[in-house]
Protein backbone atom coordinates (compact mmCIF):
# COMPACT_ATOMS: atom_id res chain seq x y z
CA MET A 1 -170.70 -42.34 -30.63
CA SER A 2 -174.32 -41.66 -29.85
CA ALA A 3 -175.66 -45.18 -30.28
CA LYS A 4 -175.49 -48.33 -28.22
CA TYR A 5 -174.51 -51.20 -30.48
CA ARG A 6 -175.92 -54.68 -30.35
CA VAL A 7 -173.09 -57.15 -30.90
CA ALA A 8 -173.20 -60.92 -31.31
CA ILE A 9 -170.36 -63.41 -31.68
CA VAL A 10 -170.06 -66.74 -33.43
CA GLY A 11 -167.23 -68.96 -32.21
CA CYS A 12 -166.55 -69.15 -28.48
CA GLY A 13 -163.04 -70.58 -28.48
CA GLY A 14 -159.93 -68.97 -27.04
CA ILE A 15 -159.88 -65.70 -28.98
CA SER A 16 -163.52 -64.98 -28.12
CA HIS A 17 -162.50 -64.29 -24.53
CA ALA A 18 -160.13 -61.51 -25.61
CA HIS A 19 -163.12 -59.87 -27.27
CA GLY A 20 -165.44 -60.56 -24.32
CA ARG A 21 -163.07 -59.07 -21.76
CA ALA A 22 -162.74 -55.93 -23.84
CA TRP A 23 -166.45 -55.42 -24.54
CA ARG A 24 -167.68 -55.65 -20.97
CA GLU A 25 -165.69 -52.49 -20.23
CA VAL A 26 -167.28 -50.54 -23.10
CA PRO A 27 -170.67 -48.95 -22.31
CA GLU A 28 -171.52 -48.51 -26.02
CA ILE A 29 -171.45 -52.29 -26.56
CA GLU A 30 -174.23 -54.70 -25.61
CA ILE A 31 -173.49 -58.40 -26.16
CA VAL A 32 -176.86 -59.72 -27.29
CA GLY A 33 -175.94 -63.23 -28.34
CA ALA A 34 -173.27 -65.91 -28.55
CA CYS A 35 -173.19 -68.92 -30.86
CA ASP A 36 -171.08 -72.06 -31.03
CA GLU A 37 -171.72 -75.59 -32.23
CA ALA A 38 -170.03 -76.94 -29.08
CA PHE A 39 -171.96 -76.62 -25.82
CA GLU A 40 -169.05 -76.37 -23.37
CA PRO A 41 -167.21 -73.33 -24.81
CA LEU A 42 -170.55 -71.62 -25.44
CA ALA A 43 -171.64 -72.09 -21.82
CA ARG A 44 -168.26 -70.90 -20.54
CA PHE A 45 -168.38 -67.74 -22.64
CA ALA A 46 -171.98 -66.98 -21.67
CA THR A 47 -171.26 -67.42 -17.97
CA GLU A 48 -168.08 -65.35 -18.03
CA TYR A 49 -169.60 -62.38 -19.87
CA ASN A 50 -173.22 -62.64 -18.70
CA VAL A 51 -174.66 -63.38 -22.12
CA GLN A 52 -178.33 -64.29 -21.77
CA ASN A 53 -178.99 -65.53 -25.31
CA THR A 54 -176.98 -68.53 -26.53
CA TYR A 55 -177.38 -70.54 -29.72
CA ASN A 56 -175.93 -73.51 -31.54
CA GLU A 57 -177.13 -72.24 -34.93
CA LEU A 58 -175.99 -68.91 -36.37
CA ARG A 59 -179.07 -68.17 -38.45
CA GLN A 60 -181.33 -68.60 -35.44
CA MET A 61 -179.24 -66.17 -33.38
CA LEU A 62 -179.14 -63.56 -36.12
CA GLU A 63 -182.87 -63.74 -36.82
CA LYS A 64 -183.88 -63.58 -33.16
CA GLN A 65 -181.38 -61.05 -31.83
CA GLN A 66 -180.90 -58.89 -34.95
CA PRO A 67 -177.45 -57.60 -33.94
CA ASP A 68 -175.89 -54.54 -35.52
CA VAL A 69 -172.50 -56.24 -35.67
CA LEU A 70 -171.51 -59.88 -35.93
CA VAL A 71 -168.03 -60.88 -34.77
CA VAL A 72 -166.79 -64.02 -36.52
CA ALA A 73 -164.31 -65.86 -34.29
CA THR A 74 -164.54 -69.36 -35.75
CA TRP A 75 -161.72 -71.13 -37.59
CA PRO A 76 -160.92 -69.65 -41.02
CA ALA A 77 -162.49 -72.43 -43.10
CA SER A 78 -165.94 -71.41 -41.82
CA HIS A 79 -165.55 -67.63 -42.19
CA LEU A 80 -167.12 -67.39 -45.63
CA LYS A 81 -170.32 -69.23 -44.74
CA ASN A 82 -170.68 -67.16 -41.56
CA VAL A 83 -170.22 -63.90 -43.47
CA LEU A 84 -172.79 -64.97 -46.07
CA GLU A 85 -175.27 -65.84 -43.30
CA ALA A 86 -174.72 -62.45 -41.67
CA VAL A 87 -175.36 -60.70 -45.00
CA ARG A 88 -178.54 -62.70 -45.52
CA CYS A 89 -179.79 -61.64 -42.09
CA GLY A 90 -179.05 -57.94 -42.62
CA VAL A 91 -176.38 -56.98 -40.09
CA LYS A 92 -174.75 -53.56 -40.45
CA GLY A 93 -171.15 -54.64 -39.86
CA ILE A 94 -169.04 -57.79 -39.71
CA LEU A 95 -165.72 -58.08 -37.88
CA VAL A 96 -163.87 -61.24 -38.92
CA GLU A 97 -160.91 -62.65 -37.03
CA LYS A 98 -157.72 -62.95 -39.01
CA PRO A 99 -157.09 -64.45 -41.42
CA ILE A 100 -160.34 -63.18 -42.86
CA ALA A 101 -160.54 -66.01 -45.43
CA VAL A 102 -158.62 -69.08 -46.55
CA ASN A 103 -157.70 -67.54 -49.91
CA THR A 104 -158.19 -64.49 -52.11
CA LYS A 105 -161.08 -65.99 -54.05
CA GLN A 106 -163.14 -66.39 -50.87
CA LEU A 107 -162.35 -62.86 -49.73
CA GLU A 108 -163.35 -61.41 -53.09
CA GLN A 109 -166.71 -63.15 -52.71
CA MET A 110 -167.12 -61.65 -49.23
CA ILE A 111 -166.31 -58.19 -50.54
CA GLN A 112 -168.76 -58.51 -53.41
CA VAL A 113 -171.73 -59.53 -51.27
CA THR A 114 -171.08 -57.07 -48.42
CA GLU A 115 -170.56 -54.10 -50.74
CA ARG A 116 -173.73 -54.97 -52.63
CA ALA A 117 -175.63 -55.02 -49.31
CA ASN A 118 -173.89 -51.85 -47.98
CA ILE A 119 -172.45 -53.78 -45.01
CA ARG A 120 -169.17 -52.80 -43.40
CA LEU A 121 -166.62 -55.65 -43.41
CA MET A 122 -163.35 -55.51 -41.46
CA GLU A 123 -160.53 -57.92 -40.67
CA ALA A 124 -159.71 -58.14 -36.96
CA PHE A 125 -156.05 -57.17 -36.80
CA MET A 126 -156.41 -55.68 -33.35
CA TYR A 127 -152.77 -54.50 -33.13
CA ARG A 128 -153.38 -51.99 -35.93
CA HIS A 129 -155.69 -50.05 -33.59
CA HIS A 130 -153.12 -49.83 -30.78
CA PRO A 131 -151.45 -46.45 -30.17
CA LEU A 132 -148.02 -48.10 -30.42
CA THR A 133 -148.61 -49.15 -34.02
CA LEU A 134 -150.02 -45.73 -34.90
CA ALA A 135 -147.05 -43.98 -33.29
CA VAL A 136 -144.58 -46.17 -35.19
CA LYS A 137 -146.30 -45.36 -38.48
CA GLN A 138 -146.22 -41.64 -37.65
CA GLN A 139 -142.48 -41.75 -36.95
CA ILE A 140 -141.83 -43.33 -40.32
CA GLU A 141 -144.12 -40.91 -42.17
CA GLU A 142 -142.37 -37.98 -40.48
CA GLY A 143 -139.00 -39.20 -41.75
CA ALA A 144 -137.42 -40.34 -38.48
CA ILE A 145 -135.44 -43.04 -40.32
CA GLY A 146 -135.38 -41.43 -43.74
CA GLU A 147 -136.86 -43.47 -46.58
CA ALA A 148 -137.87 -46.97 -45.47
CA ARG A 149 -135.87 -49.49 -47.50
CA TYR A 150 -136.17 -52.74 -45.55
CA ALA A 151 -138.62 -54.26 -43.07
CA ARG A 152 -138.49 -57.59 -41.31
CA ALA A 153 -140.99 -59.22 -38.95
CA THR A 154 -141.03 -62.44 -36.98
CA PHE A 155 -143.70 -64.38 -35.10
CA SER A 156 -143.31 -67.88 -33.69
CA THR A 157 -144.94 -69.91 -30.93
CA GLY A 158 -144.38 -73.23 -29.22
CA LEU A 159 -147.67 -74.76 -30.41
CA THR A 160 -147.36 -78.50 -31.09
CA ASP A 161 -150.93 -79.74 -30.45
CA ARG A 162 -152.02 -81.31 -33.76
CA ARG A 163 -155.68 -81.13 -32.70
CA ASN A 164 -155.59 -77.32 -32.66
CA TRP A 165 -157.08 -75.69 -35.78
CA ARG A 166 -153.81 -73.83 -36.30
CA LEU A 167 -152.13 -77.10 -37.23
CA ARG A 168 -155.00 -78.47 -39.32
CA GLY A 169 -155.04 -77.57 -42.98
CA GLU A 170 -158.70 -78.46 -43.53
CA LEU A 171 -159.71 -75.80 -40.97
CA GLY A 172 -157.56 -73.07 -42.52
CA GLY A 173 -154.53 -73.51 -40.29
CA GLY A 174 -150.82 -73.04 -40.91
CA ALA A 175 -148.06 -70.76 -39.71
CA VAL A 176 -148.71 -68.06 -42.32
CA MET A 177 -152.45 -68.11 -41.69
CA ASP A 178 -152.18 -67.64 -37.93
CA LEU A 179 -148.81 -65.93 -37.41
CA GLY A 180 -147.28 -64.79 -40.66
CA CYS A 181 -150.40 -62.81 -41.54
CA TYR A 182 -149.33 -60.33 -38.82
CA CYS A 183 -145.83 -60.09 -40.26
CA ILE A 184 -147.12 -59.50 -43.78
CA ASN A 185 -149.56 -56.90 -42.52
CA ILE A 186 -147.04 -54.82 -40.60
CA ILE A 187 -144.47 -54.94 -43.40
CA ARG A 188 -147.01 -53.74 -45.98
CA TYR A 189 -148.33 -51.08 -43.59
CA LEU A 190 -144.95 -49.59 -42.74
CA ILE A 191 -143.50 -49.78 -46.25
CA GLY A 192 -146.72 -48.15 -47.47
CA LYS A 193 -147.11 -50.05 -50.73
CA GLU A 194 -147.84 -53.51 -52.10
CA PRO A 195 -145.08 -55.99 -53.00
CA LYS A 196 -144.47 -56.93 -56.62
CA PHE A 197 -142.99 -60.39 -56.04
CA ALA A 198 -142.93 -62.99 -53.27
CA TRP A 199 -140.96 -66.15 -52.69
CA ALA A 200 -140.76 -68.53 -49.76
CA THR A 201 -139.52 -71.77 -48.31
CA GLY A 202 -140.46 -73.70 -45.21
CA LYS A 203 -141.45 -76.95 -43.57
CA PHE A 204 -144.64 -78.61 -44.79
CA GLU A 205 -146.38 -81.09 -42.48
CA ALA A 206 -148.01 -83.53 -44.89
CA ILE A 207 -150.17 -85.43 -42.39
CA ASN A 208 -152.13 -82.31 -41.34
CA HIS A 209 -151.52 -80.51 -44.64
CA VAL A 210 -150.10 -77.29 -43.19
CA TRP A 211 -146.97 -75.21 -43.51
CA GLU A 212 -145.78 -75.28 -39.91
CA THR A 213 -142.80 -73.05 -40.74
CA LEU A 214 -142.47 -70.49 -43.51
CA ILE A 215 -139.77 -67.96 -44.32
CA GLY A 216 -140.58 -65.44 -47.00
CA THR A 217 -139.19 -62.47 -48.92
CA LEU A 218 -141.25 -59.67 -50.45
CA ASP A 219 -139.87 -57.49 -53.27
CA PHE A 220 -141.54 -54.07 -53.38
CA GLY A 221 -139.43 -52.80 -56.26
CA ASP A 222 -137.00 -49.85 -56.20
CA GLY A 223 -134.68 -51.82 -53.92
CA ILE A 224 -137.26 -52.07 -51.10
CA THR A 225 -137.47 -55.49 -49.45
CA GLY A 226 -139.45 -57.18 -46.71
CA GLN A 227 -138.67 -60.45 -44.96
CA LEU A 228 -140.68 -62.55 -42.53
CA ASP A 229 -140.43 -65.79 -40.63
CA CYS A 230 -143.21 -67.60 -38.81
CA SER A 231 -143.36 -71.00 -37.18
CA PHE A 232 -145.11 -73.33 -34.80
CA GLY A 233 -142.68 -75.33 -32.69
CA TRP A 234 -140.06 -72.60 -32.33
CA THR A 235 -139.73 -70.65 -29.12
CA TRP A 236 -141.97 -67.60 -28.71
CA ARG A 237 -140.65 -64.66 -30.73
CA GLU A 238 -142.43 -61.49 -31.83
CA SER A 239 -140.76 -58.38 -33.19
CA TYR A 240 -140.33 -56.17 -36.21
CA GLU A 241 -137.76 -53.69 -37.51
CA VAL A 242 -137.62 -51.12 -40.27
CA ALA A 243 -134.35 -49.83 -41.73
CA GLY A 244 -134.24 -46.60 -43.66
CA THR A 245 -131.72 -44.35 -45.34
CA ASP A 246 -131.13 -42.44 -42.08
CA GLY A 247 -131.78 -44.90 -39.26
CA THR A 248 -133.70 -47.83 -37.85
CA LEU A 249 -136.88 -48.40 -35.86
CA SER A 250 -137.58 -51.55 -33.86
CA VAL A 251 -140.43 -53.00 -31.80
CA GLN A 252 -139.77 -55.96 -29.51
CA THR A 253 -143.34 -56.65 -28.37
CA ALA A 254 -145.06 -56.49 -31.69
CA TRP A 255 -148.60 -57.83 -31.38
CA GLY A 256 -149.49 -58.33 -27.72
CA ASN A 257 -149.61 -54.75 -26.47
CA GLY A 258 -152.58 -53.75 -24.32
CA GLU A 259 -153.62 -51.03 -21.91
CA GLY A 260 -150.25 -50.67 -20.21
CA GLU A 261 -147.19 -48.77 -21.37
CA SER A 262 -145.62 -49.93 -24.63
CA HIS A 263 -142.22 -49.14 -26.10
CA PHE A 264 -140.38 -48.84 -29.39
CA THR A 265 -136.91 -47.66 -30.36
CA VAL A 266 -135.86 -45.16 -33.02
CA ASN A 267 -132.14 -44.72 -33.71
CA GLY A 268 -131.29 -45.95 -30.21
CA GLU A 269 -133.82 -43.75 -28.42
CA THR A 270 -136.71 -45.45 -26.63
CA PHE A 271 -140.21 -44.02 -26.90
CA SER A 272 -143.14 -44.89 -24.60
CA VAL A 273 -146.81 -45.03 -25.55
CA ASN A 274 -149.86 -45.34 -23.30
CA GLY A 275 -151.96 -48.23 -24.54
CA VAL A 276 -155.62 -49.14 -24.93
CA ASN A 277 -157.42 -52.44 -25.19
CA PRO A 278 -157.04 -53.07 -28.94
CA TYR A 279 -160.00 -55.46 -29.08
CA ALA A 280 -162.28 -52.72 -27.81
CA ALA A 281 -160.68 -50.17 -30.13
CA GLU A 282 -161.22 -52.23 -33.28
CA LEU A 283 -164.89 -52.88 -32.56
CA LEU A 284 -165.52 -49.23 -31.69
CA ASN A 285 -163.80 -48.21 -34.92
CA LEU A 286 -166.13 -50.43 -36.92
CA CYS A 287 -169.17 -49.13 -35.03
CA GLU A 288 -168.14 -45.53 -35.68
CA ALA A 289 -167.74 -46.30 -39.37
CA ILE A 290 -171.26 -47.75 -39.41
CA GLU A 291 -172.74 -44.77 -37.56
CA THR A 292 -170.96 -41.86 -39.21
CA GLY A 293 -169.56 -43.22 -42.46
CA ALA A 294 -166.02 -42.52 -41.23
CA PRO A 295 -163.17 -44.51 -42.83
CA GLN A 296 -162.23 -47.76 -41.18
CA CYS A 297 -158.77 -47.97 -39.64
CA LEU A 298 -158.39 -51.14 -41.72
CA PRO A 299 -160.25 -50.78 -45.02
CA ILE A 300 -161.21 -54.05 -46.67
CA SER A 301 -158.68 -53.29 -49.42
CA ASP A 302 -155.98 -53.82 -46.80
CA ALA A 303 -157.30 -57.32 -46.10
CA LEU A 304 -157.33 -58.07 -49.81
CA GLY A 305 -153.70 -57.03 -50.17
CA ASN A 306 -152.71 -59.21 -47.24
CA MET A 307 -154.59 -62.24 -48.58
CA ARG A 308 -152.93 -61.93 -51.97
CA VAL A 309 -149.50 -62.04 -50.34
CA ILE A 310 -150.47 -65.07 -48.24
CA ASP A 311 -151.58 -66.90 -51.39
CA ALA A 312 -148.37 -65.93 -53.20
CA LEU A 313 -146.14 -67.14 -50.37
CA HIS A 314 -147.96 -70.46 -50.20
CA GLU A 315 -147.63 -70.90 -53.96
CA SER A 316 -143.95 -70.05 -53.89
CA ALA A 317 -143.21 -72.42 -51.01
CA ARG A 318 -145.11 -75.18 -52.83
CA THR A 319 -143.53 -74.65 -56.27
CA GLY A 320 -140.12 -73.22 -55.42
CA GLN A 321 -140.79 -70.33 -57.81
CA ARG A 322 -140.84 -66.56 -57.38
CA ILE A 323 -144.46 -65.41 -57.66
CA ARG A 324 -145.59 -62.15 -59.24
CA LEU A 325 -148.41 -60.45 -57.34
CA PRO A 326 -151.36 -58.70 -59.05
CA GLU A 327 -150.91 -55.01 -59.80
């Protein structure tokens, strides 16, 4: 890329530091502003990454710093208002932490306003930019396991702190929103099509109004099936597997791969991949798309497909019914 991109971030909680660590190693990125309603996390982020301009109000930051890209790293319930503010202030691109919205209706509104303003919008599934994920997809496309017929993915953590947004329904929390979204995304990506039906069961925590555990099945038609499980309160687990007509592919460290060596297995043979910082890679991909018009690694249509499945799984778990997804 020929340009140096001015980047600002709203939301200076835990995930913001993954972004900050990645950006300070990228010469094309200049962090021009940070915003958070809370003073302590804002000061910590600014000190750690030498950010000179800090704000407690997003509009003020956007108007004064005029960034090219806004990174939205707040809790999901505030994503829509932050995206709308960024559109109003004329940014060129918006990278929104997953899940990009709390439901499909909100995401459709985001898509409508950003497309009308010719602004690039991308969901921040950093793992999709990692060479491991790209190598896995290539193996499947090249027929290493024949035709993919079944995919399963799992993601669970030991989180039990009810004050955390992930366990607070009013902030957009829940196991599917924070963890299962990865599982849905990788299953859809590797199968290469959208599911026709979804059904689910799980454990609903009524006090905080969240699904803290959810187990779901996706029917892609033609005998192709996906299954996922996600939970807070279980031990840490992260993996995925794809079974085909001629073999299987498995990944044991699914989402947390970085710059070191990563591994996956195809039909009993282990393959190694040299990694990159995926948080840097996703932002650079968005910047390149802004500069050259190149396709995004994750088009916004991918985010829309993922959000529709999330909504369907929640509806199924709530009603006990199998849910048909939109064509």
